Amino acid sequence: ILDGAMARNVAAETQRVLKAGGAVLWYDFRFDNPRHPNVRGMSRRDVATLFPRFTLQLQSVTVAPFLARRLGPLTPALYPLLARLPALRTHYIGLLTS
């Protein structure tokens, strides 16, 4: 969601309808993509701002797709090694609990 007001509205509605003790599964970009202006990253702080009363458990995952796509037949050997480098992990996955 590129529009800040819309992102806040969606987060507010999510919080409104979520049952007490419920959770949101989060998977989103950590970084902007300079080649795609419609891909905007969400920092941990951005997520916390949208969901201020939630506990965030976010973990960086997903080797940069532009890199992972080029591994070809070496993917099984190289992907796990590259995934150990935080700077190459481009997404967050996590649980936001109310």
N, C-alpha and C. Protein backbone atom coordinates (compact mmCIF):
# COMPACT_ATOMS: atom_id res chain seq x y z
N ILE A 1 0.87 -1.17 0.00
CA ILE A 1 0.00 0.00 0.00
C ILE A 1 0.91 1.22 0.00
N LEU A 2 0.92 1.95 -1.10
CA LEU A 2 1.85 3.06 -1.25
C LEU A 2 1.37 4.35 -0.59
N ASP A 3 0.08 4.51 -0.45
CA ASP A 3 -0.46 5.72 0.15
C ASP A 3 -0.47 5.60 1.67
N GLY A 4 0.21 6.52 2.34
CA GLY A 4 0.31 6.46 3.80
C GLY A 4 -1.02 6.48 4.52
N ALA A 5 -1.94 7.33 4.07
CA ALA A 5 -3.26 7.41 4.71
C ALA A 5 -4.01 6.09 4.55
N MET A 6 -3.91 5.49 3.38
CA MET A 6 -4.58 4.21 3.15
C MET A 6 -3.96 3.12 4.03
N ALA A 7 -2.65 3.11 4.16
CA ALA A 7 -1.98 2.12 5.02
C ALA A 7 -2.46 2.27 6.46
N ARG A 8 -2.57 3.50 6.93
CA ARG A 8 -3.06 3.74 8.30
C ARG A 8 -4.51 3.28 8.44
N ASN A 9 -5.33 3.52 7.43
CA ASN A 9 -6.73 3.09 7.47
C ASN A 9 -6.85 1.57 7.50
N VAL A 10 -6.06 0.90 6.68
CA VAL A 10 -6.09 -0.57 6.67
C VAL A 10 -5.62 -1.12 8.01
N ALA A 11 -4.56 -0.56 8.57
CA ALA A 11 -4.07 -1.01 9.87
C ALA A 11 -5.12 -0.77 10.96
N ALA A 12 -5.76 0.39 10.93
CA ALA A 12 -6.78 0.70 11.94
C ALA A 12 -7.96 -0.27 11.83
N GLU A 13 -8.39 -0.57 10.60
CA GLU A 13 -9.51 -1.50 10.42
C GLU A 13 -9.11 -2.91 10.84
N THR A 14 -7.88 -3.29 10.56
CA THR A 14 -7.39 -4.61 10.98
C THR A 14 -7.44 -4.71 12.50
N GLN A 15 -6.99 -3.68 13.17
CA GLN A 15 -7.01 -3.67 14.63
C GLN A 15 -8.43 -3.67 15.17
N ARG A 16 -9.31 -2.99 14.48
CA ARG A 16 -10.71 -2.90 14.94
C ARG A 16 -11.40 -4.26 14.89
N VAL A 17 -11.18 -5.01 13.81
CA VAL A 17 -11.90 -6.27 13.64
C VAL A 17 -11.18 -7.48 14.24
N LEU A 18 -9.92 -7.32 14.61
CA LEU A 18 -9.16 -8.45 15.14
C LEU A 18 -9.63 -8.77 16.55
N LYS A 19 -9.89 -10.02 16.79
CA LYS A 19 -10.32 -10.48 18.10
C LYS A 19 -9.21 -10.25 19.12
N ALA A 20 -9.57 -9.94 20.35
CA ALA A 20 -8.58 -9.75 21.42
C ALA A 20 -7.69 -10.99 21.50
N GLY A 21 -6.39 -10.77 21.55
CA GLY A 21 -5.44 -11.87 21.58
C GLY A 21 -5.14 -12.42 20.19
N GLY A 22 -5.74 -11.82 19.17
CA GLY A 22 -5.52 -12.28 17.80
C GLY A 22 -4.17 -11.85 17.27
N ALA A 23 -3.89 -12.25 16.04
CA ALA A 23 -2.59 -11.95 15.46
C ALA A 23 -2.72 -11.68 13.96
N VAL A 24 -1.74 -10.96 13.46
CA VAL A 24 -1.62 -10.68 12.03
C VAL A 24 -0.32 -11.31 11.55
N LEU A 25 -0.39 -12.07 10.48
CA LEU A 25 0.81 -12.61 9.86
C LEU A 25 1.33 -11.55 8.89
N TRP A 26 2.59 -11.17 9.04
CA TRP A 26 3.18 -10.09 8.25
C TRP A 26 4.25 -10.65 7.33
N TYR A 27 4.18 -10.28 6.06
CA TYR A 27 5.25 -10.60 5.11
C TYR A 27 5.32 -9.43 4.14
N ASP A 28 6.42 -8.70 4.16
CA ASP A 28 6.52 -7.52 3.31
C ASP A 28 7.99 -7.18 3.07
N PHE A 29 8.20 -6.31 2.11
CA PHE A 29 9.54 -5.85 1.76
C PHE A 29 10.17 -5.05 2.91
N ARG A 30 11.46 -5.23 3.10
CA ARG A 30 12.21 -4.42 4.06
C ARG A 30 12.77 -3.16 3.41
N PHE A 31 13.04 -3.23 2.11
CA PHE A 31 13.72 -2.15 1.40
C PHE A 31 12.93 -1.71 0.18
N ASP A 32 13.11 -0.45 -0.20
CA ASP A 32 12.58 0.02 -1.47
C ASP A 32 13.32 -0.69 -2.59
N ASN A 33 12.65 -0.83 -3.72
CA ASN A 33 13.28 -1.38 -4.90
C ASN A 33 13.52 -0.25 -5.88
N PRO A 34 14.76 0.15 -6.11
CA PRO A 34 15.04 1.30 -6.98
C PRO A 34 14.58 1.10 -8.42
N ARG A 35 14.41 -0.13 -8.84
CA ARG A 35 13.95 -0.39 -10.21
C ARG A 35 12.44 -0.38 -10.33
N HIS A 36 11.76 -0.45 -9.21
CA HIS A 36 10.30 -0.50 -9.22
C HIS A 36 9.75 0.51 -8.21
N PRO A 37 9.31 1.67 -8.67
CA PRO A 37 8.84 2.70 -7.74
C PRO A 37 7.59 2.30 -6.95
N ASN A 38 6.91 1.25 -7.39
CA ASN A 38 5.73 0.79 -6.67
C ASN A 38 6.05 -0.27 -5.61
N VAL A 39 7.34 -0.49 -5.37
CA VAL A 39 7.77 -1.39 -4.30
C VAL A 39 8.46 -0.54 -3.25
N ARG A 40 7.78 -0.39 -2.13
CA ARG A 40 8.31 0.43 -1.06
C ARG A 40 8.49 -0.43 0.18
N GLY A 41 9.66 -0.38 0.76
CA GLY A 41 9.95 -1.19 1.94
C GLY A 41 9.28 -0.66 3.20
N MET A 42 9.07 -1.58 4.13
CA MET A 42 8.51 -1.24 5.44
C MET A 42 9.55 -1.60 6.50
N SER A 43 10.04 -0.59 7.20
CA SER A 43 10.99 -0.87 8.28
C SER A 43 10.23 -1.39 9.50
N ARG A 44 10.99 -1.92 10.43
CA ARG A 44 10.39 -2.37 11.70
C ARG A 44 9.65 -1.20 12.36
N ARG A 45 10.24 -0.02 12.30
CA ARG A 45 9.62 1.17 12.88
C ARG A 45 8.30 1.51 12.18
N ASP A 46 8.27 1.37 10.84
CA ASP A 46 7.04 1.63 10.09
C ASP A 46 5.92 0.69 10.54
N VAL A 47 6.25 -0.58 10.71
CA VAL A 47 5.24 -1.56 11.15
C VAL A 47 4.77 -1.21 12.56
N ALA A 48 5.70 -0.88 13.43
CA ALA A 48 5.35 -0.53 14.81
C ALA A 48 4.48 0.72 14.85
N THR A 49 4.72 1.65 13.95
CA THR A 49 3.90 2.87 13.90
C THR A 49 2.47 2.55 13.47
N LEU A 50 2.32 1.63 12.53
CA LEU A 50 0.98 1.24 12.08
C LEU A 50 0.23 0.43 13.13
N PHE A 51 0.96 -0.34 13.93
CA PHE A 51 0.34 -1.22 14.92
C PHE A 51 0.96 -0.94 16.30
N PRO A 52 0.70 0.24 16.87
CA PRO A 52 1.40 0.66 18.09
C PRO A 52 1.11 -0.18 19.34
N ARG A 53 -0.03 -0.82 19.40
CA ARG A 53 -0.37 -1.60 20.60
C ARG A 53 -0.08 -3.09 20.43
N PHE A 54 0.59 -3.43 19.36
CA PHE A 54 0.87 -4.84 19.08
C PHE A 54 2.30 -5.18 19.47
N THR A 55 2.51 -6.44 19.79
CA THR A 55 3.86 -6.97 19.98
C THR A 55 4.32 -7.48 18.63
N LEU A 56 5.49 -7.04 18.20
CA LEU A 56 6.01 -7.42 16.89
C LEU A 56 7.10 -8.47 17.05
N GLN A 57 6.98 -9.54 16.31
CA GLN A 57 8.03 -10.55 16.20
C GLN A 57 8.35 -10.64 14.71
N LEU A 58 9.32 -9.88 14.27
CA LEU A 58 9.69 -9.84 12.86
C LEU A 58 11.07 -10.44 12.65
N GLN A 59 11.20 -11.18 11.59
CA GLN A 59 12.47 -11.81 11.24
C GLN A 59 12.74 -11.55 9.76
N SER A 60 13.96 -11.18 9.43
CA SER A 60 14.29 -10.96 8.03
C SER A 60 14.50 -12.30 7.34
N VAL A 61 13.92 -12.40 6.13
CA VAL A 61 13.97 -13.64 5.35
C VAL A 61 14.07 -13.28 3.86
N THR A 62 14.15 -14.27 3.04
CA THR A 62 14.10 -14.17 1.57
C THR A 62 15.34 -13.50 1.00
N VAL A 63 16.20 -14.31 0.44
CA VAL A 63 17.37 -13.77 -0.25
C VAL A 63 16.87 -12.90 -1.41
N ALA A 64 17.53 -11.77 -1.61
CA ALA A 64 17.13 -10.83 -2.66
C ALA A 64 16.75 -11.58 -3.93
N PRO A 65 15.50 -11.45 -4.37
CA PRO A 65 15.04 -12.22 -5.52
C PRO A 65 15.90 -12.04 -6.77
N PHE A 66 16.38 -10.83 -7.04
CA PHE A 66 17.20 -10.62 -8.23
C PHE A 66 18.47 -11.47 -8.17
N LEU A 67 18.95 -11.74 -6.97
CA LEU A 67 20.13 -12.57 -6.79
C LEU A 67 19.76 -14.06 -6.82
N ALA A 68 18.73 -14.40 -6.08
CA ALA A 68 18.31 -15.80 -5.98
C ALA A 68 17.94 -16.38 -7.35
N ARG A 69 17.32 -15.58 -8.20
CA ARG A 69 16.93 -16.07 -9.53
C ARG A 69 18.13 -16.45 -10.38
N ARG A 70 19.28 -15.92 -10.08
CA ARG A 70 20.48 -16.17 -10.89
C ARG A 70 21.30 -17.37 -10.40
N LEU A 71 20.87 -18.01 -9.34
CA LEU A 71 21.65 -19.12 -8.79
C LEU A 71 21.53 -20.39 -9.63
N GLY A 72 20.43 -20.54 -10.34
CA GLY A 72 20.23 -21.70 -11.21
C GLY A 72 20.43 -23.01 -10.48
N PRO A 73 21.20 -23.93 -11.08
CA PRO A 73 21.36 -25.25 -10.47
C PRO A 73 22.13 -25.23 -9.15
N LEU A 74 22.76 -24.11 -8.83
CA LEU A 74 23.50 -24.01 -7.57
C LEU A 74 22.61 -23.57 -6.41
N THR A 75 21.33 -23.35 -6.68
CA THR A 75 20.42 -22.86 -5.65
C THR A 75 20.45 -23.71 -4.38
N PRO A 76 20.33 -25.04 -4.45
CA PRO A 76 20.32 -25.82 -3.20
C PRO A 76 21.56 -25.63 -2.34
N ALA A 77 22.69 -25.39 -2.95
CA ALA A 77 23.92 -25.22 -2.19
C ALA A 77 24.13 -23.79 -1.72
N LEU A 78 23.82 -22.81 -2.60
CA LEU A 78 24.16 -21.42 -2.29
C LEU A 78 23.08 -20.66 -1.52
N TYR A 79 21.81 -20.96 -1.77
CA TYR A 79 20.74 -20.19 -1.12
C TYR A 79 20.87 -20.22 0.40
N PRO A 80 21.04 -21.39 1.02
CA PRO A 80 21.17 -21.40 2.49
C PRO A 80 22.35 -20.57 3.00
N LEU A 81 23.43 -20.55 2.26
CA LEU A 81 24.59 -19.74 2.67
C LEU A 81 24.28 -18.25 2.55
N LEU A 82 23.68 -17.86 1.45
CA LEU A 82 23.34 -16.45 1.25
C LEU A 82 22.28 -15.98 2.25
N ALA A 83 21.39 -16.87 2.62
CA ALA A 83 20.32 -16.52 3.57
C ALA A 83 20.86 -16.21 4.96
N ARG A 84 22.09 -16.59 5.24
CA ARG A 84 22.70 -16.28 6.54
C ARG A 84 23.16 -14.82 6.63
N LEU A 85 23.23 -14.13 5.50
CA LEU A 85 23.71 -12.75 5.48
C LEU A 85 22.53 -11.79 5.58
N PRO A 86 22.36 -11.12 6.72
CA PRO A 86 21.20 -10.24 6.90
C PRO A 86 21.02 -9.19 5.80
N ALA A 87 22.11 -8.67 5.28
CA ALA A 87 22.01 -7.62 4.26
C ALA A 87 21.37 -8.13 2.97
N LEU A 88 21.38 -9.44 2.75
CA LEU A 88 20.79 -10.00 1.53
C LEU A 88 19.34 -10.42 1.71
N ARG A 89 18.84 -10.35 2.94
CA ARG A 89 17.44 -10.74 3.21
C ARG A 89 16.55 -9.52 3.04
N THR A 90 15.63 -9.60 2.10
CA THR A 90 14.90 -8.41 1.65
C THR A 90 13.49 -8.28 2.20
N HIS A 91 13.01 -9.24 2.96
CA HIS A 91 11.63 -9.20 3.45
C HIS A 91 11.60 -9.47 4.96
N TYR A 92 10.50 -9.06 5.56
CA TYR A 92 10.20 -9.45 6.95
C TYR A 92 9.07 -10.43 6.92
N ILE A 93 9.17 -11.43 7.78
CA ILE A 93 8.02 -12.28 8.08
C ILE A 93 7.87 -12.22 9.59
N GLY A 94 6.65 -12.24 10.04
CA GLY A 94 6.48 -12.19 11.48
C GLY A 94 5.05 -12.22 11.91
N LEU A 95 4.91 -12.16 13.20
CA LEU A 95 3.61 -12.20 13.85
C LEU A 95 3.43 -10.92 14.64
N LEU A 96 2.32 -10.25 14.41
CA LEU A 96 1.96 -9.07 15.18
C LEU A 96 0.80 -9.49 16.07
N THR A 97 1.01 -9.47 17.37
CA THR A 97 -0.03 -9.94 18.29
C THR A 97 -0.59 -8.79 19.10
N SER A 98 -1.91 -8.86 19.28
CA SER A 98 -2.60 -7.79 20.02
C SER A 98 -2.60 -8.07 21.51
